[in-house]
Structures are given as C-alpha cells and as structure tokens.
Amino acid sequence: MKISVWDTYVQRNDGQTMHFDILVPSTCTNEQQIFDFGHSYLSHKTFDTGVLTAKECNFCHIEVAPDDVVSAIAMQGYAIIEMENCN
C-alpha cells in the first residue's frame, strides 16, 4: 500500500513542539479529513496542545507502508508516527 506522509508540528501548552507524522492512504487527499485525524490523535493526549491547521501539517512524500502501518490504517483510517515531544 502506498501512503502519504503528512509532516506535523504542533505547539504544546508547556512550550515544547510536538513532531509527528500522519500517515494516510495515498488516495486520501482531503486535507480537512487529514487534519481531523490529527485532532483525533491529539484528543487522546494527557496535555493540552495548540491548533492543527495547514500551517502545522504539510504533505511531505509518498512511500510504501510497512505491515503495521497498513494494519493501523485498516482499523482507523490513519496511522501516527511519533517523533518528538509526543508523550
């Protein structure tokens, strides 16, 4: 499966910047839906964050997904890779 990687940086209320990728099927091009996936992910965090818009979330590239990402996308429509300050 080919996936689109959306590089995302969101300010936390403690001043740190979260960096994570939102992974969606490459056929998913609806930016609002991708932002909604990001909002869903952020809603499960135990800390408050700033906004997630086109300014914080940008298409980066397309790649072939590993099996665990394909499984996550099949279950919830997207996957997240946490990179920095996500916990």
PDB file of N, CA and C in Angstrom:
ATOM      1  N   MET A   1       0.842  -1.185   0.000  1.00  0.00           N
ATOM      2  CA  MET A   1       0.000   0.000   0.000  1.00  0.00           C
ATOM      3  C   MET A   1       0.885   1.245   0.000  1.00  0.00           C
ATOM      4  N   LYS A   2       0.559   2.173  -0.864  1.00  0.00           N
ATOM      5  CA  LYS A   2       1.255   3.453  -0.866  1.00  0.00           C
ATOM      6  C   LYS A   2       0.536   4.405   0.086  1.00  0.00           C
ATOM      7  N   ILE A   3       1.327   5.121   0.875  1.00  0.00           N
ATOM      8  CA  ILE A   3       0.761   6.067   1.835  1.00  0.00           C
ATOM      9  C   ILE A   3       1.361   7.453   1.636  1.00  0.00           C
ATOM     10  N   SER A   4       0.570   8.442   2.009  1.00  0.00           N
ATOM     11  CA  SER A   4       1.047   9.821   2.049  1.00  0.00           C
ATOM     12  C   SER A   4       1.482  10.128   3.471  1.00  0.00           C
ATOM     13  N   VAL A   5       2.611  10.789   3.592  1.00  0.00           N
ATOM     14  CA  VAL A   5       3.147  11.184   4.889  1.00  0.00           C
ATOM     15  C   VAL A   5       2.951  12.683   5.044  1.00  0.00           C
ATOM     16  N   TRP A   6       2.257  13.074   6.114  1.00  0.00           N
ATOM     17  CA  TRP A   6       1.992  14.479   6.423  1.00  0.00           C
ATOM     18  C   TRP A   6       2.821  14.853   7.655  1.00  0.00           C
ATOM     19  N   ASP A   7       3.828  15.669   7.434  1.00  0.00           N
ATOM     20  CA  ASP A   7       4.746  16.113   8.480  1.00  0.00           C
ATOM     21  C   ASP A   7       4.043  17.167   9.338  1.00  0.00           C
ATOM     22  N   THR A   8       3.982  16.941  10.646  1.00  0.00           N
ATOM     23  CA  THR A   8       3.154  17.771  11.516  1.00  0.00           C
ATOM     24  C   THR A   8       3.930  18.257  12.742  1.00  0.00           C
ATOM     25  N   TYR A   9       3.813  19.542  13.011  1.00  0.00           N
ATOM     26  CA  TYR A   9       4.414  20.178  14.185  1.00  0.00           C
ATOM     27  C   TYR A   9       3.317  20.944  14.918  1.00  0.00           C
ATOM     28  N   VAL A  10       3.081  20.592  16.178  1.00  0.00           N
ATOM     29  CA  VAL A  10       2.040  21.252  16.965  1.00  0.00           C
ATOM     30  C   VAL A  10       2.651  21.733  18.274  1.00  0.00           C
ATOM     31  N   GLN A  11       2.362  22.968  18.610  1.00  0.00           N
ATOM     32  CA  GLN A  11       2.856  23.552  19.850  1.00  0.00           C
ATOM     33  C   GLN A  11       2.080  22.981  21.034  1.00  0.00           C
ATOM     34  N   ARG A  12       2.805  22.535  22.052  1.00  0.00           N
ATOM     35  CA  ARG A  12       2.177  22.123  23.309  1.00  0.00           C
ATOM     36  C   ARG A  12       2.041  23.345  24.198  1.00  0.00           C
ATOM     37  N   ASN A  13       1.108  23.311  25.130  1.00  0.00           N
ATOM     38  CA  ASN A  13       0.919  24.457  26.013  1.00  0.00           C
ATOM     39  C   ASN A  13       2.070  24.657  26.993  1.00  0.00           C
ATOM     40  N   ASP A  14       2.941  23.649  27.139  1.00  0.00           N
ATOM     41  CA  ASP A  14       4.119  23.808  28.004  1.00  0.00           C
ATOM     42  C   ASP A  14       5.313  24.391  27.244  1.00  0.00           C
ATOM     43  N   GLY A  15       5.099  24.771  25.992  1.00  0.00           N
ATOM     44  CA  GLY A  15       6.150  25.409  25.200  1.00  0.00           C
ATOM     45  C   GLY A  15       6.917  24.473  24.287  1.00  0.00           C
ATOM     46  N   GLN A  16       6.815  23.169  24.496  1.00  0.00           N
ATOM     47  CA  GLN A  16       7.504  22.220  23.622  1.00  0.00           C
ATOM     48  C   GLN A  16       6.721  22.071  22.323  1.00  0.00           C
ATOM     49  N   THR A  17       7.430  21.658  21.286  1.00  0.00           N
ATOM     50  CA  THR A  17       6.793  21.415  19.991  1.00  0.00           C
ATOM     51  C   THR A  17       6.749  19.923  19.723  1.00  0.00           C
ATOM     52  N   MET A  18       5.551  19.418  19.493  1.00  0.00           N
ATOM     53  CA  MET A  18       5.388  18.019  19.106  1.00  0.00           C
ATOM     54  C   MET A  18       5.713  17.889  17.621  1.00  0.00           C
ATOM     55  N   HIS A  19       6.357  16.792  17.271  1.00  0.00           N
ATOM     56  CA  HIS A  19       6.615  16.470  15.869  1.00  0.00           C
ATOM     57  C   HIS A  19       6.136  15.043  15.655  1.00  0.00           C
ATOM     58  N   PHE A  20       5.190  14.883  14.741  1.00  0.00           N
ATOM     59  CA  PHE A  20       4.686  13.555  14.404  1.00  0.00           C
ATOM     60  C   PHE A  20       4.243  13.548  12.947  1.00  0.00           C
ATOM     61  N   ASP A  21       4.147  12.347  12.400  1.00  0.00           N
ATOM     62  CA  ASP A  21       3.676  12.179  11.031  1.00  0.00           C
ATOM     63  C   ASP A  21       2.290  11.554  11.047  1.00  0.00           C
ATOM     64  N   ILE A  22       1.407  12.081  10.214  1.00  0.00           N
ATOM     65  CA  ILE A  22       0.103  11.472   9.980  1.00  0.00           C
ATOM     66  C   ILE A  22       0.216  10.696   8.671  1.00  0.00           C
ATOM     67  N   LEU A  23      -0.085   9.405   8.720  1.00  0.00           N
ATOM     68  CA  LEU A  23       0.040   8.529   7.561  1.00  0.00           C
ATOM     69  C   LEU A  23      -1.353   8.131   7.091  1.00  0.00           C
ATOM     70  N   VAL A  24      -1.625   8.352   5.822  1.00  0.00           N
ATOM     71  CA  VAL A  24      -2.932   8.030   5.235  1.00  0.00           C
ATOM     72  C   VAL A  24      -2.714   7.346   3.890  1.00  0.00           C
ATOM     73  N   PRO A  25      -3.728   6.619   3.397  1.00  0.00           N
ATOM     74  CA  PRO A  25      -3.594   6.058   2.053  1.00  0.00           C
ATOM     75  C   PRO A  25      -3.292   7.173   1.048  1.00  0.00           C
ATOM     76  N   SER A  26      -2.493   6.890   0.059  1.00  0.00           N
ATOM     77  CA  SER A  26      -2.113   7.922  -0.918  1.00  0.00           C
ATOM     78  C   SER A  26      -3.323   8.452  -1.688  1.00  0.00           C
ATOM     79  N   THR A  27      -4.419   7.719  -1.665  1.00  0.00           N
ATOM     80  CA  THR A  27      -5.645   8.174  -2.330  1.00  0.00           C
ATOM     81  C   THR A  27      -6.419   9.189  -1.490  1.00  0.00           C
ATOM     82  N   CYS A  28      -6.044   9.356  -0.231  1.00  0.00           N
ATOM     83  CA  CYS A  28      -6.712  10.315   0.655  1.00  0.00           C
ATOM     84  C   CYS A  28      -6.072  11.689   0.441  1.00  0.00           C
ATOM     85  N   THR A  29      -6.822  12.585  -0.180  1.00  0.00           N
ATOM     86  CA  THR A  29      -6.293  13.920  -0.485  1.00  0.00           C
ATOM     87  C   THR A  29      -7.090  15.040   0.182  1.00  0.00           C
ATOM     88  N   ASN A  30      -8.105  14.678   0.964  1.00  0.00           N
ATOM     89  CA  ASN A  30      -8.941  15.661   1.640  1.00  0.00           C
ATOM     90  C   ASN A  30      -8.195  16.186   2.865  1.00  0.00           C
ATOM     91  N   GLU A  31      -7.656  17.408   2.760  1.00  0.00           N
ATOM     92  CA  GLU A  31      -6.855  17.972   3.858  1.00  0.00           C
ATOM     93  C   GLU A  31      -7.641  18.054   5.154  1.00  0.00           C
ATOM     94  N   GLN A  32      -8.904  18.432   5.099  1.00  0.00           N
ATOM     95  CA  GLN A  32      -9.689  18.544   6.329  1.00  0.00           C
ATOM     96  C   GLN A  32      -9.802  17.199   7.035  1.00  0.00           C
ATOM     97  N   GLN A  33      -9.964  16.123   6.265  1.00  0.00           N
ATOM     98  CA  GLN A  33     -10.029  14.791   6.862  1.00  0.00           C
ATOM     99  C   GLN A  33      -8.701  14.446   7.531  1.00  0.00           C
ATOM    100  N   ILE A  34      -7.602  14.797   6.909  1.00  0.00           N
ATOM    101  CA  ILE A  34      -6.278  14.524   7.481  1.00  0.00           C
ATOM    102  C   ILE A  34      -6.089  15.331   8.763  1.00  0.00           C
ATOM    103  N   PHE A  35      -6.506  16.603   8.745  1.00  0.00           N
ATOM    104  CA  PHE A  35      -6.436  17.417   9.963  1.00  0.00           C
ATOM    105  C   PHE A  35      -7.324  16.811  11.055  1.00  0.00           C
ATOM    106  N   ASP A  36      -8.488  16.291  10.678  1.00  0.00           N
ATOM    107  CA  ASP A  36      -9.369  15.645  11.655  1.00  0.00           C
ATOM    108  C   ASP A  36      -8.697  14.424  12.276  1.00  0.00           C
ATOM    109  N   PHE A  37      -7.962  13.658  11.476  1.00  0.00           N
ATOM    110  CA  PHE A  37      -7.202  12.531  12.033  1.00  0.00           C
ATOM    111  C   PHE A  37      -6.200  13.043  13.068  1.00  0.00           C
ATOM    112  N   GLY A  38      -5.521  14.134  12.754  1.00  0.00           N
ATOM    113  CA  GLY A  38      -4.575  14.727  13.696  1.00  0.00           C
ATOM    114  C   GLY A  38      -5.255  15.198  14.966  1.00  0.00           C
ATOM    115  N   HIS A  39      -6.429  15.819  14.833  1.00  0.00           N
ATOM    116  CA  HIS A  39      -7.184  16.262  16.010  1.00  0.00           C
ATOM    117  C   HIS A  39      -7.596  15.072  16.868  1.00  0.00           C
ATOM    118  N   SER A  40      -8.003  13.989  16.221  1.00  0.00           N
ATOM    119  CA  SER A  40      -8.377  12.779  16.955  1.00  0.00           C
ATOM    120  C   SER A  40      -7.187  12.253  17.754  1.00  0.00           C
ATOM    121  N   TYR A  41      -6.028  12.192  17.128  1.00  0.00           N
ATOM    122  CA  TYR A  41      -4.810  11.757  17.816  1.00  0.00           C
ATOM    123  C   TYR A  41      -4.512  12.675  19.001  1.00  0.00           C
ATOM    124  N   LEU A  42      -4.565  13.980  18.795  1.00  0.00           N
ATOM    125  CA  LEU A  42      -4.246  14.944  19.861  1.00  0.00           C
ATOM    126  C   LEU A  42      -5.252  14.883  21.004  1.00  0.00           C
ATOM    127  N   SER A  43      -6.492  14.528  20.718  1.00  0.00           N
ATOM    128  CA  SER A  43      -7.517  14.487  21.767  1.00  0.00           C
ATOM    129  C   SER A  43      -7.245  13.421  22.815  1.00  0.00           C
ATOM    130  N   HIS A  44      -6.393  12.461  22.500  1.00  0.00           N
ATOM    131  CA  HIS A  44      -6.074  11.396  23.443  1.00  0.00           C
ATOM    132  C   HIS A  44      -4.823  11.697  24.279  1.00  0.00           C
ATOM    133  N   LYS A  45      -4.231  12.847  24.074  1.00  0.00           N
ATOM    134  CA  LYS A  45      -3.043  13.229  24.842  1.00  0.00           C
ATOM    135  C   LYS A  45      -3.461  13.743  26.217  1.00  0.00           C
ATOM    136  N   THR A  46      -2.597  13.565  27.209  1.00  0.00           N
ATOM    137  CA  THR A  46      -2.904  13.993  28.574  1.00  0.00           C
ATOM    138  C   THR A  46      -2.543  15.457  28.813  1.00  0.00           C
ATOM    139  N   PHE A  47      -2.028  16.129  27.800  1.00  0.00           N
ATOM    140  CA  PHE A  47      -1.661  17.540  27.906  1.00  0.00           C
ATOM    141  C   PHE A  47      -2.372  18.322  26.815  1.00  0.00           C
ATOM    142  N   ASP A  48      -2.457  19.631  26.990  1.00  0.00           N
ATOM    143  CA  ASP A  48      -3.113  20.487  26.007  1.00  0.00           C
ATOM    144  C   ASP A  48      -2.142  20.890  24.910  1.00  0.00           C
ATOM    145  N   THR A  49      -2.690  21.091  23.719  1.00  0.00           N
ATOM    146  CA  THR A  49      -1.879  21.499  22.570  1.00  0.00           C
ATOM    147  C   THR A  49      -2.542  22.671  21.867  1.00  0.00           C
ATOM    148  N   GLY A  50      -1.780  23.284  20.998  1.00  0.00           N
ATOM    149  CA  GLY A  50      -2.315  24.357  20.163  1.00  0.00           C
ATOM    150  C   GLY A  50      -3.089  23.788  19.002  1.00  0.00           C
ATOM    151  N   VAL A  51      -3.311  24.621  18.021  1.00  0.00           N
ATOM    152  CA  VAL A  51      -4.129  24.250  16.868  1.00  0.00           C
ATOM    153  C   VAL A  51      -3.353  23.389  15.878  1.00  0.00           C
ATOM    154  N   LEU A  52      -4.093  22.691  15.047  1.00  0.00           N
ATOM    155  CA  LEU A  52      -3.516  21.915  13.956  1.00  0.00           C
ATOM    156  C   LEU A  52      -4.224  22.361  12.685  1.00  0.00           C
ATOM    157  N   THR A  53      -3.491  23.063  11.825  1.00  0.00           N
ATOM    158  CA  THR A  53      -4.029  23.563  10.558  1.00  0.00           C
ATOM    159  C   THR A  53      -3.010  23.281   9.461  1.00  0.00           C
ATOM    160  N   ALA A  54      -3.260  23.824   8.284  1.00  0.00           N
ATOM    161  CA  ALA A  54      -2.326  23.666   7.166  1.00  0.00           C
ATOM    162  C   ALA A  54      -0.963  24.274   7.493  1.00  0.00           C
ATOM    163  N   LYS A  55      -0.921  25.206   8.414  1.00  0.00           N
ATOM    164  CA  LYS A  55       0.356  25.811   8.811  1.00  0.00           C
ATOM    165  C   LYS A  55       1.222  24.807   9.584  1.00  0.00           C
ATOM    166  N   GLU A  56       0.588  23.915  10.353  1.00  0.00           N
ATOM    167  CA  GLU A  56       1.302  22.951  11.183  1.00  0.00           C
ATOM    168  C   GLU A  56       1.456  21.580  10.529  1.00  0.00           C
ATOM    169  N   CYS A  57       0.676  21.303   9.499  1.00  0.00           N
ATOM    170  CA  CYS A  57       0.611  19.967   8.909  1.00  0.00           C
ATOM    171  C   CYS A  57       0.721  20.076   7.394  1.00  0.00           C
ATOM    172  N   ASN A  58       1.787  19.493   6.833  1.00  0.00           N
ATOM    173  CA  ASN A  58       2.027  19.612   5.394  1.00  0.00           C
ATOM    174  C   ASN A  58       2.359  18.262   4.775  1.00  0.00           C
ATOM    175  N   PHE A  59       1.854  18.066   3.553  1.00  0.00           N
ATOM    176  CA  PHE A  59       2.224  16.866   2.803  1.00  0.00           C
ATOM    177  C   PHE A  59       3.738  16.841   2.628  1.00  0.00           C
ATOM    178  N   CYS A  60       4.329  15.680   2.850  1.00  0.00           N
ATOM    179  CA  CYS A  60       5.778  15.535   2.737  1.00  0.00           C
ATOM    180  C   CYS A  60       6.162  14.645   1.548  1.00  0.00           C
ATOM    181  N   HIS A  61       5.678  13.397   1.540  1.00  0.00           N
ATOM    182  CA  HIS A  61       6.034  12.478   0.470  1.00  0.00           C
ATOM    183  C   HIS A  61       5.126  11.252   0.484  1.00  0.00           C
ATOM    184  N   ILE A  62       5.302  10.397  -0.527  1.00  0.00           N
ATOM    185  CA  ILE A  62       4.581   9.121  -0.621  1.00  0.00           C
ATOM    186  C   ILE A  62       5.614   8.010  -0.505  1.00  0.00           C
ATOM    187  N   GLU A  63       5.244   6.971   0.241  1.00  0.00           N
ATOM    188  CA  GLU A  63       6.127   5.808   0.385  1.00  0.00           C
ATOM    189  C   GLU A  63       5.290   4.543   0.508  1.00  0.00           C
ATOM    190  N   VAL A  64       5.941   3.399   0.486  1.00  0.00           N
ATOM    191  CA  VAL A  64       5.265   2.121   0.673  1.00  0.00           C
ATOM    192  C   VAL A  64       5.208   1.846   2.177  1.00  0.00           C
ATOM    193  N   ALA A  65       4.016   1.509   2.665  1.00  0.00           N
ATOM    194  CA  ALA A  65       3.806   1.318   4.098  1.00  0.00           C
ATOM    195  C   ALA A  65       4.235  -0.065   4.561  1.00  0.00           C
ATOM    196  N   PRO A  66       4.856  -0.139   5.741  1.00  0.00           N
ATOM    197  CA  PRO A  66       5.115  -1.450   6.343  1.00  0.00           C
ATOM    198  C   PRO A  66       3.801  -2.050   6.862  1.00  0.00           C
ATOM    199  N   ASP A  67       3.819  -3.340   7.164  1.00  0.00           N
ATOM    200  CA  ASP A  67       2.604  -4.064   7.544  1.00  0.00           C
ATOM    201  C   ASP A  67       1.892  -3.463   8.756  1.00  0.00           C
ATOM    202  N   ASP A  68       2.627  -3.002   9.772  1.00  0.00           N
ATOM    203  CA  ASP A  68       1.975  -2.454  10.962  1.00  0.00           C
ATOM    204  C   ASP A  68       1.214  -1.168  10.645  1.00  0.00           C
ATOM    205  N   VAL A  69       1.725  -0.373   9.730  1.00  0.00           N
ATOM    206  CA  VAL A  69       1.034   0.852   9.322  1.00  0.00           C
ATOM    207  C   VAL A  69      -0.209   0.497   8.505  1.00  0.00           C
ATOM    208  N   VAL A  70      -0.100  -0.474   7.629  1.00  0.00           N
ATOM    209  CA  VAL A  70      -1.254  -0.924   6.845  1.00  0.00           C
ATOM    210  C   VAL A  70      -2.356  -1.402   7.792  1.00  0.00           C
ATOM    211  N   SER A  71      -2.000  -2.141   8.839  1.00  0.00           N
ATOM    212  CA  SER A  71      -2.989  -2.624   9.809  1.00  0.00           C
ATOM    213  C   SER A  71      -3.661  -1.478  10.546  1.00  0.00           C
ATOM    214  N   ALA A  72      -2.871  -0.491  10.980  1.00  0.00           N
ATOM    215  CA  ALA A  72      -3.430   0.664  11.694  1.00  0.00           C
ATOM    216  C   ALA A  72      -4.386   1.444  10.793  1.00  0.00           C
ATOM    217  N   ILE A  73      -3.995   1.636   9.542  1.00  0.00           N
ATOM    218  CA  ILE A  73      -4.857   2.362   8.600  1.00  0.00           C
ATOM    219  C   ILE A  73      -6.145   1.579   8.342  1.00  0.00           C
ATOM    220  N   ALA A  74      -6.056   0.256   8.257  1.00  0.00           N
ATOM    221  CA  ALA A  74      -7.253  -0.564   8.047  1.00  0.00           C
ATOM    222  C   ALA A  74      -8.207  -0.446   9.228  1.00  0.00           C
ATOM    223  N   MET A  75      -7.679  -0.257  10.432  1.00  0.00           N
ATOM    224  CA  MET A  75      -8.509  -0.186  11.639  1.00  0.00           C
ATOM    225  C   MET A  75      -9.115   1.195  11.862  1.00  0.00           C
ATOM    226  N   GLN A  76      -8.335   2.266  11.627  1.00  0.00           N
ATOM    227  CA  GLN A  76      -8.826   3.597  11.989  1.00  0.00           C
ATOM    228  C   GLN A  76      -8.749   4.634  10.881  1.00  0.00           C
ATOM    229  N   GLY A  77      -8.242   4.250   9.726  1.00  0.00           N
ATOM    230  CA  GLY A  77      -8.184   5.179   8.599  1.00  0.00           C
ATOM    231  C   GLY A  77      -6.883   5.934   8.483  1.00  0.00           C
ATOM    232  N   TYR A  78      -6.050   5.882   9.509  1.00  0.00           N
ATOM    233  CA  TYR A  78      -4.776   6.591   9.527  1.00  0.00           C
ATOM    234  C   TYR A  78      -3.841   5.933  10.526  1.00  0.00           C
ATOM    235  N   ALA A  79      -2.584   6.333  10.508  1.00  0.00           N
ATOM    236  CA  ALA A  79      -1.601   5.905  11.496  1.00  0.00           C
ATOM    237  C   ALA A  79      -0.774   7.129  11.864  1.00  0.00           C
ATOM    238  N   ILE A  80      -0.164   7.071  13.025  1.00  0.00           N
ATOM    239  CA  ILE A  80       0.688   8.153  13.517  1.00  0.00           C
ATOM    240  C   ILE A  80       2.064   7.588  13.826  1.00  0.00           C
ATOM    241  N   ILE A  81       3.087   8.317  13.424  1.00  0.00           N
ATOM    242  CA  ILE A  81       4.451   8.026  13.876  1.00  0.00           C
ATOM    243  C   ILE A  81       4.865   9.196  14.754  1.00  0.00           C
ATOM    244  N   GLU A  82       5.099   8.913  16.032  1.00  0.00           N
ATOM    245  CA  GLU A  82       5.533   9.952  16.965  1.00  0.00           C
ATOM    246  C   GLU A  82       7.040  10.137  16.843  1.00  0.00           C
ATOM    247  N   MET A  83       7.461  11.396  16.722  1.00  0.00           N
ATOM    248  CA  MET A  83       8.879  11.689  16.519  1.00  0.00           C
ATOM    249  C   MET A  83       9.494  12.427  17.717  1.00  0.00           C
ATOM    250  N   GLU A  84       8.894  13.553  18.116  1.00  0.00           N
ATOM    251  CA  GLU A  84       9.481  14.347  19.212  1.00  0.00           C
ATOM    252  C   GLU A  84       8.380  14.920  20.102  1.00  0.00           C
ATOM    253  N   ASN A  85       8.623  14.874  21.406  1.00  0.00           N
ATOM    254  CA  ASN A  85       7.782  15.538  22.412  1.00  0.00           C
ATOM    255  C   ASN A  85       6.305  15.152  22.321  1.00  0.00           C
ATOM    256  N   CYS A  86       6.045  13.887  22.039  1.00  0.00           N
ATOM    257  CA  CYS A  86       4.667  13.429  21.881  1.00  0.00           C
ATOM    258  C   CYS A  86       4.106  12.793  23.159  1.00  0.00           C
ATOM    259  N   ASN A  87       4.938  12.597  24.138  1.00  0.00           N
ATOM    260  CA  ASN A  87       4.493  11.980  25.395  1.00  0.00           C
ATOM    261  C   ASN A  87       4.907  12.817  26.582  1.00  0.00           C
TER     262      ASN A  87
END
